[in-house]
Each structure stands twice: as structure tokens, then as C-alpha cells.
């Protein structure tokens, strides 16, 4: 059991902030922002995060600053996720995690070089949400249950942990229920992943489909996804990975298509017959 979480004072960064979010989702305790004492590092009921020059999961110490300069970029969030056995799925499902590791360990310039972009792009990705949450986190030395920021942090941690755990279950569900269709459109052969309607219907029927396609090695050949419409009895049609050959405005005038986005990336149909769904996908190919 964790009695408290301790992280460094002063300016706050995304890695220890998110690490604390994940930790309080599992252990809803107070967060203290101060320098650790030797007794803190040796006390397994005090979780020390991003400070203390110690990575010792047995004593719940999760600092990375003592790692060699040329070590693989690893931040305090990485260490916490590894301890909770969530890291592998986080790296697979959270595209933002590796850049966050690089940014924390290599800074903006190093991260920009690694991403192959100009340095100013990094600043353009900053959000006022990030700025406010980190500034408010840095402003106090204690954050306790019931305080607005602590409660928001717990929501973030809850959502992240739930996403990682539920997405793996979701991918297993898709694997056991979905079909891969080959559809002819003129001289072209299309590939679409079809997820039929089930009872009960998942809250977000399309959730996990892109990840499933990637895991199955279909990313280079897939064109479209067909999945139950959560707002009706029909299906949603989406192009996979923004495929340039799929344009659902081409079927906007079909009698059983009640919505086609003007940008062409998604449509909704009342059709439920599989042959009709294949026909709509074929007509959307350009």
C-alpha cells in the first residue's frame, strides 16, 4: 500500500505529472512536491517519482535522471508503467508516449531532430491544457483528494489505465468477431475490415479497429472499415488511415446513406446486408 506520492518541487513536467496521475488512479493518496529524504527512498509506502536518483521498484522509487546520457530515452512515466505491467501496451497504443520520453530526456531540439521536423514545430504542438495543468501542479506543494486538480489528475490516470486495459480486451474481441473482405471495384481490388453488430453493442463500436489492422499487418493493404453505427441500426463506413482512394461523398445520394461527411472520410448507412455494404464500399473507391 502507498501512503503518499512524492515528486520534485519547482517547475513541473509532463512525465512526472502523468506518472502521478497513473499512480493515484491505483492508489488515491496525497501527492507531495518536495525533495526526498533518505528515509523516503527506503520507505516502500512512499512512492518517489522523478527525483531521488534511484530506480528501485521494490521501494517504489521511479527516477531516471541517474541513467547514462546515451541510454534509451526513458522517463518517470515509463518506469511507473513498466512497474504496473502496462508499458508494452502503452508503447503500442499511445503514439504520444515515445515523443514524450524523447522530449523529457533529449529536450526540444533533440526531439525535433529525432522526429525529422523543424524545432519550431515542437512549440506549435503545445496546448493551453498542458500549460495550465502543469502550472497549477507546480504552484502547490501538496495535492490532496477532493481538491479540483487532484480529482482531474485521477480522471486522467483512470482514463489512461482503463484505455490500456480495455483496448487489449477490445483487440481480442475484434479478432474473434471481424472479417476481412476483398471487394472488387472495376479493375481494383479493395480490402475492408468488417465488424458485425453484436449484442450487447460496444459503447464505441469502431474503437480499436485501426490498431487491430496494424497488429494484423494489414496496414499497407486495407482501404476501409465497416462497423456498427452506435446511433442507429446500420453501419458506419470509414476510410482506413485516411486512404486517398476512398471518398464517401461518392455515395452521398444513395437512398440508404443518410450521412456522408463533406471531407469524404466517413459515411453512415442504414444498410445491413453485407452485399449492399460491399457495394457501397466499391462505389466509394475513386
Protein backbone atom coordinates (compact mmCIF):
# COMPACT_ATOMS: atom_id res chain seq x y z
CA UNK A 1 0.00 0.00 0.00
CA UNK A 2 1.15 3.51 -0.83
CA UNK A 3 0.63 6.15 1.85
CA UNK A 4 1.84 9.10 -0.23
CA UNK A 5 3.46 10.04 -3.53
CA UNK A 6 6.46 12.35 -3.57
CA UNK A 7 7.82 14.23 -6.56
CA UNK A 8 10.19 17.15 -7.01
CA UNK A 9 9.31 20.80 -6.25
CA UNK A 10 9.77 23.69 -8.67
CA UNK A 11 8.71 23.56 -12.30
CA UNK A 12 6.53 20.64 -13.32
CA UNK A 13 6.87 18.46 -16.38
CA UNK A 14 4.54 16.18 -18.24
CA UNK A 15 6.31 12.95 -17.30
CA UNK A 16 6.03 13.19 -13.50
CA UNK A 17 2.59 14.75 -13.79
CA UNK A 18 1.28 11.80 -15.80
CA UNK A 19 3.18 9.33 -13.62
CA UNK A 20 1.38 10.76 -10.59
CA UNK A 21 -1.94 10.58 -12.46
CA UNK A 22 -1.44 6.87 -13.12
CA UNK A 23 -0.32 6.21 -9.56
CA UNK A 24 -3.29 7.90 -7.89
CA UNK A 25 -5.65 6.03 -10.20
CA UNK A 26 -4.37 2.90 -8.44
CA UNK A 27 -3.69 4.46 -5.03
CA UNK A 28 -5.77 7.59 -4.30
CA UNK A 29 -3.33 9.26 -1.91
CA UNK A 30 -1.82 12.70 -1.37
CA UNK A 31 0.93 13.99 -3.67
CA UNK A 32 3.77 15.93 -2.03
CA UNK A 33 6.18 18.08 -4.02
CA UNK A 34 9.47 18.30 -2.11
CA UNK A 35 12.99 16.87 -2.11
CA UNK A 36 13.06 13.31 -0.75
CA UNK A 37 14.99 12.33 2.34
CA UNK A 38 16.89 9.06 2.70
CA UNK A 39 14.04 7.67 4.78
CA UNK A 40 11.57 8.39 1.93
CA UNK A 41 13.67 6.40 -0.53
CA UNK A 42 13.84 3.46 1.87
CA UNK A 43 10.15 3.52 2.78
CA UNK A 44 8.08 1.28 0.46
CA UNK A 45 4.92 3.12 1.47
CA UNK A 46 6.25 6.37 -0.03
CA UNK A 47 6.33 6.38 -3.82
CA UNK A 48 9.15 8.66 -5.02
CA UNK A 49 8.73 9.85 -8.61
CA UNK A 50 11.17 11.71 -10.92
CA UNK A 51 13.50 12.68 -8.09
CA UNK A 52 15.98 10.99 -5.75
CA UNK A 53 18.39 9.44 -8.29
CA UNK A 54 17.02 5.97 -7.63
CA UNK A 55 15.15 3.45 -9.74
CA UNK A 56 14.14 0.79 -7.26
CA UNK A 57 10.63 -0.58 -7.89
CA UNK A 58 10.83 -2.68 -4.73
CA UNK A 59 10.87 0.55 -2.71
CA UNK A 60 8.68 2.35 -5.27
CA UNK A 61 11.41 4.72 -6.40
CA UNK A 62 10.96 5.81 -10.03
CA UNK A 63 13.66 8.27 -11.08
CA UNK A 64 15.53 8.19 -14.39
CA UNK A 65 17.88 11.16 -14.11
CA UNK A 66 20.78 8.95 -12.99
CA UNK A 67 20.63 6.86 -16.19
CA UNK A 68 23.57 7.25 -18.63
CA UNK A 69 23.26 10.08 -21.11
CA UNK A 70 23.19 7.67 -24.05
CA UNK A 71 20.54 5.40 -22.51
CA UNK A 72 17.33 4.74 -24.42
CA UNK A 73 15.03 7.71 -23.64
CA UNK A 74 13.08 6.73 -20.53
CA UNK A 75 11.06 8.99 -18.27
CA UNK A 76 9.39 8.54 -14.90
CA UNK A 77 6.08 7.72 -16.56
CA UNK A 78 7.82 4.91 -18.47
CA UNK A 79 9.13 3.45 -15.20
CA UNK A 80 5.74 3.59 -13.50
CA UNK A 81 4.01 1.97 -16.48
CA UNK A 82 6.64 -0.79 -16.53
CA UNK A 83 6.07 -1.40 -12.82
CA UNK A 84 2.32 -1.75 -13.47
CA UNK A 85 3.00 -4.03 -16.48
CA UNK A 86 1.30 -1.55 -18.81
CA UNK A 87 4.33 -0.21 -20.66
CA UNK A 88 4.34 -2.54 -23.66
CA UNK A 89 0.71 -1.82 -24.46
CA UNK A 90 1.26 1.90 -23.80
CA UNK A 91 4.08 1.98 -26.37
CA UNK A 92 1.89 0.05 -28.82
CA UNK A 93 -1.33 2.03 -28.30
CA UNK A 94 -0.21 5.54 -27.23
CA UNK A 95 1.59 7.26 -30.11
CA UNK A 96 2.38 10.22 -27.85
CA UNK A 97 4.44 8.20 -25.33
CA UNK A 98 7.72 7.79 -27.22
CA UNK A 99 7.89 11.51 -28.19
CA UNK A 100 7.18 12.36 -24.52
CA UNK A 101 10.11 10.16 -23.49
CA UNK A 102 12.37 11.84 -26.01
CA UNK A 103 11.26 15.33 -25.05
CA UNK A 104 11.90 14.70 -21.36
CA UNK A 105 15.31 13.12 -21.94
CA UNK A 106 16.63 14.93 -25.01
CA UNK A 107 14.80 18.26 -24.95
CA UNK A 108 13.02 20.07 -27.75
CA UNK A 109 15.99 20.24 -30.14
CA UNK A 110 16.86 16.55 -29.81
CA UNK A 111 13.23 15.53 -30.16
CA UNK A 112 12.79 17.66 -33.28
CA UNK A 113 15.86 16.04 -34.87
CA UNK A 114 14.59 12.57 -33.96
CA UNK A 115 11.17 13.35 -35.46
CA UNK A 116 12.76 14.91 -38.52
CA UNK A 117 10.97 18.24 -38.13
CA UNK A 118 11.99 21.85 -37.58
CA UNK A 119 12.45 22.96 -33.97
CA UNK A 120 9.53 25.41 -34.09
CA UNK A 121 7.09 22.55 -34.79
CA UNK A 122 7.58 21.32 -31.23
CA UNK A 123 6.33 24.60 -29.80
CA UNK A 124 3.34 24.62 -32.13
CA UNK A 125 2.15 21.34 -30.61
CA UNK A 126 1.88 22.83 -27.12
CA UNK A 127 -1.64 23.04 -25.70
CA UNK A 128 -3.10 25.52 -23.16
CA UNK A 129 -4.45 22.44 -21.39
CA UNK A 130 -0.89 21.23 -20.80
CA UNK A 131 0.29 24.67 -19.75
CA UNK A 132 -2.46 25.26 -17.20
CA UNK A 133 -2.40 21.79 -15.64
CA UNK A 134 1.39 21.83 -15.23
CA UNK A 135 1.43 25.40 -13.91
CA UNK A 136 -1.26 24.62 -11.34
CA UNK A 137 0.52 21.40 -10.37
CA UNK A 138 3.75 23.33 -9.80
CA UNK A 139 2.00 26.06 -7.79
CA UNK A 140 1.35 23.93 -4.66
CA UNK A 141 3.49 21.59 -2.62
CA UNK A 142 0.59 19.31 -1.72
CA UNK A 143 -2.27 17.94 -3.79
CA UNK A 144 -4.89 16.00 -1.88
CA UNK A 145 -8.05 14.02 -2.67
CA UNK A 146 -11.03 16.32 -3.02
CA UNK A 147 -9.05 19.22 -4.48
CA UNK A 148 -10.05 20.06 -8.07
CA UNK A 149 -6.63 19.46 -9.64
CA UNK A 150 -6.11 16.15 -7.80
CA UNK A 151 -9.52 14.96 -8.97
CA UNK A 152 -8.74 15.92 -12.58
CA UNK A 153 -5.41 14.10 -12.31
CA UNK A 154 -7.18 10.98 -11.08
CA UNK A 155 -9.58 11.19 -14.04
CA UNK A 156 -6.60 11.36 -16.41
CA UNK A 157 -4.97 8.37 -14.73
CA UNK A 158 -8.21 6.40 -14.65
CA UNK A 159 -8.84 7.03 -18.34
CA UNK A 160 -5.30 6.12 -19.38
CA UNK A 161 -5.20 2.88 -17.38
CA UNK A 162 -8.71 1.94 -18.48
CA UNK A 163 -7.81 2.66 -22.11
CA UNK A 164 -4.75 0.43 -21.98
CA UNK A 165 -6.53 -2.44 -20.27
CA UNK A 166 -9.76 -2.22 -22.25
CA UNK A 167 -8.07 -1.79 -25.64
CA UNK A 168 -6.23 -5.09 -25.29
CA UNK A 169 -9.57 -6.74 -24.47
CA UNK A 170 -11.12 -4.88 -27.39
CA UNK A 171 -8.48 -6.12 -29.83
CA UNK A 172 -9.15 -9.69 -28.72
CA UNK A 173 -12.88 -9.06 -29.28
CA UNK A 174 -12.28 -7.70 -32.79
CA UNK A 175 -10.03 -10.65 -33.63
CA UNK A 176 -12.80 -13.11 -32.73
CA UNK A 177 -15.66 -11.25 -34.47
CA UNK A 178 -14.33 -9.37 -37.51
CA UNK A 179 -13.94 -10.41 -41.15
CA UNK A 180 -11.58 -9.12 -43.83
CA UNK A 181 -13.38 -8.53 -47.10
CA UNK A 182 -11.89 -8.42 -50.58
CA UNK A 183 -14.08 -6.21 -52.77
CA UNK A 184 -13.78 -5.66 -56.50
CA UNK A 185 -14.27 -2.14 -57.88
CA UNK A 186 -13.68 -2.08 -61.60
CA UNK A 187 -10.15 -3.30 -62.09
CA UNK A 188 -9.18 -2.53 -58.47
CA UNK A 189 -9.30 -4.93 -55.54
CA UNK A 190 -10.16 -3.32 -52.20
CA UNK A 191 -9.70 -4.63 -48.70
CA UNK A 192 -12.14 -3.70 -45.93
CA UNK A 193 -12.39 -4.87 -42.33
CA UNK A 194 -15.96 -5.61 -41.29
CA UNK A 195 -17.11 -5.75 -37.67
CA UNK A 196 -20.69 -7.07 -37.36
CA UNK A 197 -23.28 -5.94 -34.88
CA UNK A 198 -23.22 -7.82 -31.58
CA UNK A 199 -25.45 -7.86 -28.53
CA UNK A 200 -24.52 -6.09 -26.39
CA UNK A 201 -23.08 -3.45 -28.70
CA UNK A 202 -19.75 -1.95 -27.52
CA UNK A 203 -20.05 1.66 -26.37
CA UNK A 204 -17.63 2.76 -29.11
CA UNK A 205 -18.06 0.17 -31.88
CA UNK A 206 -15.16 1.43 -34.01
CA UNK A 207 -12.69 1.63 -31.11
CA UNK A 208 -9.57 -0.44 -31.71
CA UNK A 209 -10.15 -1.17 -35.39
CA UNK A 210 -7.14 0.84 -36.67
CA UNK A 211 -4.90 -0.78 -34.04
CA UNK A 212 -6.21 -4.21 -34.96
CA UNK A 213 -5.44 -3.58 -38.63
CA UNK A 214 -1.89 -2.57 -37.72
CA UNK A 215 -1.35 -5.58 -35.46
CA UNK A 216 -2.56 -7.93 -38.19
CA UNK A 217 -0.12 -6.45 -40.69
CA UNK A 218 -2.91 -5.16 -42.92
CA UNK A 219 -1.89 -1.52 -42.80
CA UNK A 220 -0.42 -1.50 -46.31
CA UNK A 221 -3.43 -3.12 -47.96
CA UNK A 222 -6.52 -2.02 -46.01
CA UNK A 223 -8.76 0.64 -47.55
CA UNK A 224 -11.83 0.90 -45.33
CA UNK A 225 -13.54 -0.10 -42.09
CA UNK A 226 -17.20 -1.06 -41.61
CA UNK A 227 -18.59 -1.15 -38.08
CA UNK A 228 -21.96 -0.86 -36.28
CA UNK A 229 -23.41 2.64 -36.07
CA UNK A 230 -23.93 3.35 -32.36
CA UNK A 231 -26.68 5.85 -33.21
CA UNK A 232 -28.74 3.57 -35.43
CA UNK A 233 -29.29 0.07 -36.72
CA UNK A 234 -26.98 0.44 -39.72
CA UNK A 235 -23.24 0.82 -40.14
CA UNK A 236 -20.52 3.42 -40.22
CA UNK A 237 -18.09 3.45 -43.14
CA UNK A 238 -14.63 4.97 -42.66
CA UNK A 239 -11.51 5.08 -44.75
CA UNK A 240 -8.54 3.49 -43.07
CA UNK A 241 -5.56 5.74 -42.37
CA UNK A 242 -7.13 8.46 -44.50
CA UNK A 243 -6.73 6.32 -47.62
CA UNK A 244 -6.67 8.71 -50.63
CA UNK A 245 -8.70 6.37 -52.85
CA UNK A 246 -11.74 6.26 -50.56
CA UNK A 247 -14.21 9.14 -50.90
CA UNK A 248 -17.60 8.60 -49.28
CA UNK A 249 -19.09 11.71 -50.88
CA UNK A 250 -19.44 9.48 -53.94
CA UNK A 251 -22.31 7.67 -52.20
CA UNK A 252 -23.99 10.66 -50.56
CA UNK A 253 -27.01 10.40 -52.87
CA UNK A 254 -27.58 6.69 -52.32
CA UNK A 255 -31.06 6.15 -50.80
CA UNK A 256 -29.75 4.19 -47.80
CA UNK A 257 -26.91 6.62 -46.98
CA UNK A 258 -28.13 9.26 -44.54
CA UNK A 259 -24.80 10.96 -43.87
CA UNK A 260 -21.58 11.47 -45.80
CA UNK A 261 -19.04 13.92 -44.43
CA UNK A 262 -18.13 16.69 -46.85
CA UNK A 263 -14.47 15.76 -46.46
CA UNK A 264 -15.28 12.24 -47.63
CA UNK A 265 -13.68 10.28 -44.80
CA UNK A 266 -16.81 8.81 -43.19
CA UNK A 267 -20.41 7.93 -44.00
CA UNK A 268 -23.41 6.35 -42.26
CA UNK A 269 -25.83 3.94 -43.85
CA UNK A 270 -28.99 2.15 -42.79
CA UNK A 271 -27.93 -0.83 -44.91
CA UNK A 272 -27.30 -4.06 -43.01
CA UNK A 273 -26.99 -6.57 -45.86
CA UNK A 274 -23.33 -7.48 -46.34
CA UNK A 275 -23.54 -7.45 -50.14
CA UNK A 276 -25.01 -3.95 -50.07
CA UNK A 277 -22.27 -2.78 -47.70
CA UNK A 278 -19.64 -4.16 -50.08
CA UNK A 279 -21.36 -2.36 -52.96
CA UNK A 280 -21.22 0.96 -51.09
CA UNK A 281 -17.51 0.49 -50.40
CA UNK A 282 -16.89 -0.29 -54.07
CA UNK A 283 -18.81 2.81 -55.18
CA UNK A 284 -16.75 4.97 -52.81
CA UNK A 285 -13.48 4.00 -54.48
CA UNK A 286 -12.07 6.56 -56.89
